C-alpha atoms as a PDB file:
ATOM      1  CA  UNK A   1     -15.882  13.563   9.065  1.00  0.00           C
ATOM      2  CA  UNK A   2     -12.672  11.627   9.892  1.00  0.00           C
ATOM      3  CA  UNK A   3     -14.822   8.734  11.091  1.00  0.00           C
ATOM      4  CA  UNK A   4     -16.492   8.472   7.690  1.00  0.00           C
ATOM      5  CA  UNK A   5     -13.097   8.533   5.972  1.00  0.00           C
ATOM      6  CA  UNK A   6     -11.855   5.748   8.247  1.00  0.00           C
ATOM      7  CA  UNK A   7     -14.881   3.636   7.336  1.00  0.00           C
ATOM      8  CA  UNK A   8     -13.948   3.915   3.673  1.00  0.00           C
ATOM      9  CA  UNK A   9     -10.394   2.777   4.237  1.00  0.00           C
ATOM     10  CA  UNK A  10     -10.963  -1.026   4.118  1.00  0.00           C
ATOM     11  CA  UNK A  11     -12.832  -0.817   0.826  1.00  0.00           C
ATOM     12  CA  UNK A  12     -10.134   1.473  -0.582  1.00  0.00           C
ATOM     13  CA  UNK A  13      -7.523  -1.048   0.567  1.00  0.00           C
ATOM     14  CA  UNK A  14      -9.431  -3.875  -1.092  1.00  0.00           C
ATOM     15  CA  UNK A  15      -9.647  -1.771  -4.244  1.00  0.00           C
ATOM     16  CA  UNK A  16      -5.891  -1.209  -4.193  1.00  0.00           C
ATOM     17  CA  UNK A  17      -5.270  -4.922  -3.755  1.00  0.00           C
ATOM     18  CA  UNK A  18      -7.492  -5.689  -6.740  1.00  0.00           C
ATOM     19  CA  UNK A  19      -5.736  -3.038  -8.881  1.00  0.00           C
ATOM     20  CA  UNK A  20      -2.327  -4.297  -7.765  1.00  0.00           C
ATOM     21  CA  UNK A  21      -3.149  -7.826  -8.885  1.00  0.00           C
ATOM     22  CA  UNK A  22      -4.319  -6.620 -12.298  1.00  0.00           C
ATOM     23  CA  UNK A  23      -1.722  -3.897 -12.853  1.00  0.00           C
ATOM     24  CA  UNK A  24       1.065  -3.952 -15.367  1.00  0.00           C
ATOM     25  CA  UNK A  25       3.959  -1.527 -15.552  1.00  0.00           C
ATOM     26  CA  UNK A  26       2.026   0.455 -18.172  1.00  0.00           C
ATOM     27  CA  UNK A  27      -1.118   0.586 -16.017  1.00  0.00           C
ATOM     28  CA  UNK A  28      -0.361   2.418 -12.762  1.00  0.00           C
ATOM     29  CA  UNK A  29      -2.939   3.906 -10.414  1.00  0.00           C
ATOM     30  CA  UNK A  30      -2.422   7.036  -8.304  1.00  0.00           C
ATOM     31  CA  UNK A  31      -3.303   6.647  -4.615  1.00  0.00           C
ATOM     32  CA  UNK A  32      -3.566   9.190  -1.796  1.00  0.00           C
ATOM     33  CA  UNK A  33      -1.602   7.620   1.073  1.00  0.00           C
ATOM     34  CA  UNK A  34      -2.401   8.275   4.739  1.00  0.00           C
ATOM     35  CA  UNK A  35      -1.547   6.352   7.895  1.00  0.00           C
ATOM     36  CA  UNK A  36      -5.122   4.968   8.295  1.00  0.00           C
ATOM     37  CA  UNK A  37      -5.068   3.891   4.644  1.00  0.00           C
ATOM     38  CA  UNK A  38      -1.712   2.124   5.106  1.00  0.00           C
ATOM     39  CA  UNK A  39      -2.982   0.313   8.196  1.00  0.00           C
ATOM     40  CA  UNK A  40      -6.049  -0.967   6.330  1.00  0.00           C
ATOM     41  CA  UNK A  41      -4.045  -1.813   3.237  1.00  0.00           C
ATOM     42  CA  UNK A  42      -1.423  -3.754   5.191  1.00  0.00           C
ATOM     43  CA  UNK A  43      -4.164  -5.765   6.918  1.00  0.00           C
ATOM     44  CA  UNK A  44      -5.732  -6.624   3.559  1.00  0.00           C
ATOM     45  CA  UNK A  45      -2.378  -7.525   2.024  1.00  0.00           C
ATOM     46  CA  UNK A  46      -1.404  -9.697   5.011  1.00  0.00           C
ATOM     47  CA  UNK A  47      -4.655 -11.640   4.628  1.00  0.00           C
ATOM     48  CA  UNK A  48      -4.091 -12.205   0.920  1.00  0.00           C
ATOM     49  CA  UNK A  49      -0.364 -13.011   1.117  1.00  0.00           C
ATOM     50  CA  UNK A  50      -0.154 -15.302   4.121  1.00  0.00           C
ATOM     51  CA  UNK A  51       3.368 -16.487   3.224  1.00  0.00           C
ATOM     52  CA  UNK A  52       4.799 -12.970   3.413  1.00  0.00           C
ATOM     53  CA  UNK A  53       6.113 -11.717   6.756  1.00  0.00           C
ATOM     54  CA  UNK A  54       4.721  -8.497   8.223  1.00  0.00           C
ATOM     55  CA  UNK A  55       7.945  -6.546   7.725  1.00  0.00           C
ATOM     56  CA  UNK A  56       8.131  -7.685   4.104  1.00  0.00           C
ATOM     57  CA  UNK A  57       4.577  -6.467   3.500  1.00  0.00           C
ATOM     58  CA  UNK A  58       5.526  -3.067   4.963  1.00  0.00           C
ATOM     59  CA  UNK A  59       8.647  -2.834   2.808  1.00  0.00           C
ATOM     60  CA  UNK A  60       6.716  -4.095  -0.227  1.00  0.00           C
ATOM     61  CA  UNK A  61       4.079  -1.398   0.182  1.00  0.00           C
ATOM     62  CA  UNK A  62       6.793   1.239   0.480  1.00  0.00           C
ATOM     63  CA  UNK A  63       8.386  -0.057  -2.732  1.00  0.00           C
ATOM     64  CA  UNK A  64       5.009  -0.145  -4.496  1.00  0.00           C
ATOM     65  CA  UNK A  65       4.561   3.549  -3.717  1.00  0.00           C
ATOM     66  CA  UNK A  66       8.062   4.481  -4.868  1.00  0.00           C
ATOM     67  CA  UNK A  67       9.954   4.729  -1.584  1.00  0.00           C
ATOM     68  CA  UNK A  68      13.098   2.695  -0.940  1.00  0.00           C
ATOM     69  CA  UNK A  69      12.165   1.780   2.649  1.00  0.00           C
ATOM     70  CA  UNK A  70       9.202   1.681   5.003  1.00  0.00           C
ATOM     71  CA  UNK A  71      10.894   4.338   7.163  1.00  0.00           C
ATOM     72  CA  UNK A  72      11.181   6.667   4.171  1.00  0.00           C
ATOM     73  CA  UNK A  73       7.494   6.155   3.397  1.00  0.00           C
ATOM     74  CA  UNK A  74       6.485   6.965   6.987  1.00  0.00           C
ATOM     75  CA  UNK A  75       8.622  10.120   6.891  1.00  0.00           C
ATOM     76  CA  UNK A  76       7.061  11.071   3.559  1.00  0.00           C
ATOM     77  CA  UNK A  77       3.533  11.065   4.960  1.00  0.00           C
ATOM     78  CA  UNK A  78       4.364  12.238   8.477  1.00  0.00           C
ATOM     79  CA  UNK A  79       2.623  15.588   8.060  1.00  0.00           C
ATOM     80  CA  UNK A  80      -0.491  14.422   6.244  1.00  0.00           C
ATOM     81  CA  UNK A  81      -0.632  12.426   3.076  1.00  0.00           C
ATOM     82  CA  UNK A  82       1.111  11.858  -0.231  1.00  0.00           C
ATOM     83  CA  UNK A  83      -0.254  10.970  -3.646  1.00  0.00           C
ATOM     84  CA  UNK A  84       1.867   8.374  -5.391  1.00  0.00           C
ATOM     85  CA  UNK A  85       1.547   5.982  -8.294  1.00  0.00           C
ATOM     86  CA  UNK A  86       1.383   2.263  -7.615  1.00  0.00           C
ATOM     87  CA  UNK A  87       3.948  -0.162  -8.972  1.00  0.00           C
ATOM     88  CA  UNK A  88       2.526  -3.601  -8.210  1.00  0.00           C
ATOM     89  CA  UNK A  89       5.643  -5.348  -9.479  1.00  0.00           C
ATOM     90  CA  UNK A  90       7.758  -3.569  -6.850  1.00  0.00           C
ATOM     91  CA  UNK A  91       5.455  -4.940  -4.141  1.00  0.00           C
ATOM     92  CA  UNK A  92       5.670  -8.456  -5.544  1.00  0.00           C
ATOM     93  CA  UNK A  93       9.466  -8.313  -5.746  1.00  0.00           C
ATOM     94  CA  UNK A  94       9.705  -7.467  -2.027  1.00  0.00           C
ATOM     95  CA  UNK A  95       7.053  -9.885  -0.847  1.00  0.00           C
ATOM     96  CA  UNK A  96       8.183 -13.236  -2.167  1.00  0.00           C
ATOM     97  CA  UNK A  97       7.987 -16.163   0.281  1.00  0.00           C
END
């Protein structure tokens, strides 16, 4: 079953990216965050925000999910996953060129 879940990750990442672009502060989506999901999401975000450095994308994703740093996010999902709301504006504020 993990293989099937991994196959869904890119489409879930693309879905997040679409929601993040359309989101407002009043319209937040809840996302189940895992390491494979983050990897796929970061790849999708790097492709769509070419001017943003890799580390800024990582920190922006952490901010979007409510963590202060990428390290805190990794620690938060170290033993599985976490369900968090998405704040697209937090991502944008960390990922400016």
